[in-house]
Amino acid sequence: MEIDALKELLEQMSDQDLFRFLRRSICKSFIDIEHHHNDLSDELDVVFSECQRRGKERLYDKIYESICNDPNLCKTG
């Protein structure tokens, strides 16, 4: 997905949908880390920017940290 289209999509999401998307994006980045996909890094940057715009960057950090500590969380949803 193009970055501009992603930004527009994220802006229209509810907080709950944004956080679900964030979780999936972080999980994808962990799964594909050995492939060094720059698109995933760009996606995470855009998602973080949207969290920051909403004043929710601490939640981004919390989700990221929880997945780092337990990557099996990606398998449960």
C-alpha atoms as a PDB file:
ATOM      1  CA  MET A   1       0.000   0.000   0.000  1.00  0.00           C
ATOM      2  CA  GLU A   2       1.279   3.447  -0.829  1.00  0.00           C
ATOM      3  CA  ILE A   3       2.278   5.619   2.114  1.00  0.00           C
ATOM      4  CA  ASP A   4      -0.232   8.384   1.312  1.00  0.00           C
ATOM      5  CA  ALA A   5      -3.077   5.883   1.035  1.00  0.00           C
ATOM      6  CA  LEU A   6      -1.997   4.300   4.311  1.00  0.00           C
ATOM      7  CA  LYS A   7      -1.933   7.689   6.060  1.00  0.00           C
ATOM      8  CA  GLU A   8      -5.456   8.423   4.853  1.00  0.00           C
ATOM      9  CA  LEU A   9      -6.690   4.997   5.930  1.00  0.00           C
ATOM     10  CA  LEU A  10      -5.169   5.345   9.397  1.00  0.00           C
ATOM     11  CA  GLU A  11      -6.654   8.808   9.909  1.00  0.00           C
ATOM     12  CA  GLN A  12     -10.126   7.362   9.361  1.00  0.00           C
ATOM     13  CA  MET A  13      -9.685   4.437  11.787  1.00  0.00           C
ATOM     14  CA  SER A  14     -11.058   4.379  15.278  1.00  0.00           C
ATOM     15  CA  ASP A  15      -8.470   4.069  18.044  1.00  0.00           C
ATOM     16  CA  GLN A  16      -9.375   0.401  18.480  1.00  0.00           C
ATOM     17  CA  ASP A  17      -8.913  -0.342  14.765  1.00  0.00           C
ATOM     18  CA  LEU A  18      -5.648   1.613  14.730  1.00  0.00           C
ATOM     19  CA  PHE A  19      -4.276  -0.474  17.596  1.00  0.00           C
ATOM     20  CA  ARG A  20      -5.310  -3.726  15.905  1.00  0.00           C
ATOM     21  CA  PHE A  21      -3.581  -2.554  12.726  1.00  0.00           C
ATOM     22  CA  LEU A  22      -0.531  -1.563  14.772  1.00  0.00           C
ATOM     23  CA  ARG A  23      -0.331  -4.995  16.350  1.00  0.00           C
ATOM     24  CA  ARG A  24      -0.595  -6.726  12.966  1.00  0.00           C
ATOM     25  CA  SER A  25       2.047  -4.397  11.501  1.00  0.00           C
ATOM     26  CA  ILE A  26       4.474  -5.058  14.331  1.00  0.00           C
ATOM     27  CA  CYS A  27       3.875  -8.800  14.063  1.00  0.00           C
ATOM     28  CA  LYS A  28       4.492  -8.673  10.300  1.00  0.00           C
ATOM     29  CA  SER A  29       7.719  -6.803  10.912  1.00  0.00           C
ATOM     30  CA  PHE A  30       8.927  -9.473  13.331  1.00  0.00           C
ATOM     31  CA  ILE A  31       7.963 -12.305  10.995  1.00  0.00           C
ATOM     32  CA  ASP A  32       9.653 -10.699   7.977  1.00  0.00           C
ATOM     33  CA  ILE A  33      12.648  -9.216   9.784  1.00  0.00           C
ATOM     34  CA  GLU A  34      15.083 -11.596   8.113  1.00  0.00           C
ATOM     35  CA  HIS A  35      13.917 -10.333   4.720  1.00  0.00           C
ATOM     36  CA  HIS A  36      14.656  -6.687   5.605  1.00  0.00           C
ATOM     37  CA  HIS A  37      11.468  -5.309   4.062  1.00  0.00           C
ATOM     38  CA  ASN A  38      11.763  -1.530   3.985  1.00  0.00           C
ATOM     39  CA  ASP A  39       8.039  -1.293   3.252  1.00  0.00           C
ATOM     40  CA  LEU A  40       7.270  -2.703   6.696  1.00  0.00           C
ATOM     41  CA  SER A  41       9.580  -0.210   8.351  1.00  0.00           C
ATOM     42  CA  ASP A  42       7.885   2.597   6.441  1.00  0.00           C
ATOM     43  CA  GLU A  43       4.472   1.231   7.453  1.00  0.00           C
ATOM     44  CA  LEU A  44       5.462   1.198  11.125  1.00  0.00           C
ATOM     45  CA  ASP A  45       6.754   4.752  10.823  1.00  0.00           C
ATOM     46  CA  VAL A  46       3.414   5.894   9.431  1.00  0.00           C
ATOM     47  CA  VAL A  47       1.470   4.017  12.106  1.00  0.00           C
ATOM     48  CA  PHE A  48       3.664   5.545  14.821  1.00  0.00           C
ATOM     49  CA  SER A  49       3.107   8.995  13.333  1.00  0.00           C
ATOM     50  CA  GLU A  50      -0.647   8.462  13.509  1.00  0.00           C
ATOM     51  CA  CYS A  51      -0.391   7.269  17.120  1.00  0.00           C
ATOM     52  CA  GLN A  52       1.712  10.328  17.884  1.00  0.00           C
ATOM     53  CA  ARG A  53      -0.799  12.637  16.192  1.00  0.00           C
ATOM     54  CA  ARG A  54      -3.481  11.189  18.474  1.00  0.00           C
ATOM     55  CA  GLY A  55      -1.267  11.431  21.546  1.00  0.00           C
ATOM     56  CA  LYS A  56      -1.126   7.626  21.847  1.00  0.00           C
ATOM     57  CA  GLU A  57       2.579   7.003  21.304  1.00  0.00           C
ATOM     58  CA  ARG A  58       2.902   5.356  24.734  1.00  0.00           C
ATOM     59  CA  LEU A  59       0.438   2.697  23.626  1.00  0.00           C
ATOM     60  CA  TYR A  60       2.529   2.090  20.495  1.00  0.00           C
ATOM     61  CA  ASP A  61       5.561   1.586  22.736  1.00  0.00           C
ATOM     62  CA  LYS A  62       3.598  -0.731  25.045  1.00  0.00           C
ATOM     63  CA  ILE A  63       2.358  -2.931  22.192  1.00  0.00           C
ATOM     64  CA  TYR A  64       5.816  -3.032  20.611  1.00  0.00           C
ATOM     65  CA  GLU A  65       7.443  -3.954  23.931  1.00  0.00           C
ATOM     66  CA  SER A  66       4.879  -6.649  24.716  1.00  0.00           C
ATOM     67  CA  ILE A  67       5.444  -8.296  21.329  1.00  0.00           C
ATOM     68  CA  CYS A  68       9.228  -8.055  21.753  1.00  0.00           C
ATOM     69  CA  ASN A  69       8.929  -9.767  25.126  1.00  0.00           C
ATOM     70  CA  ASP A  70       6.523 -12.441  23.876  1.00  0.00           C
ATOM     71  CA  PRO A  71       6.489 -12.931  20.085  1.00  0.00           C
ATOM     72  CA  ASN A  72       3.872 -15.673  20.570  1.00  0.00           C
ATOM     73  CA  LEU A  73       1.339 -12.849  20.975  1.00  0.00           C
ATOM     74  CA  CYS A  74       1.406 -12.636  17.187  1.00  0.00           C
ATOM     75  CA  LYS A  75       0.077 -16.164  16.970  1.00  0.00           C
ATOM     76  CA  THR A  76      -2.965 -15.398  19.116  1.00  0.00           C
ATOM     77  CA  GLY A  77      -4.606 -12.812  16.991  1.00  0.00           C
END
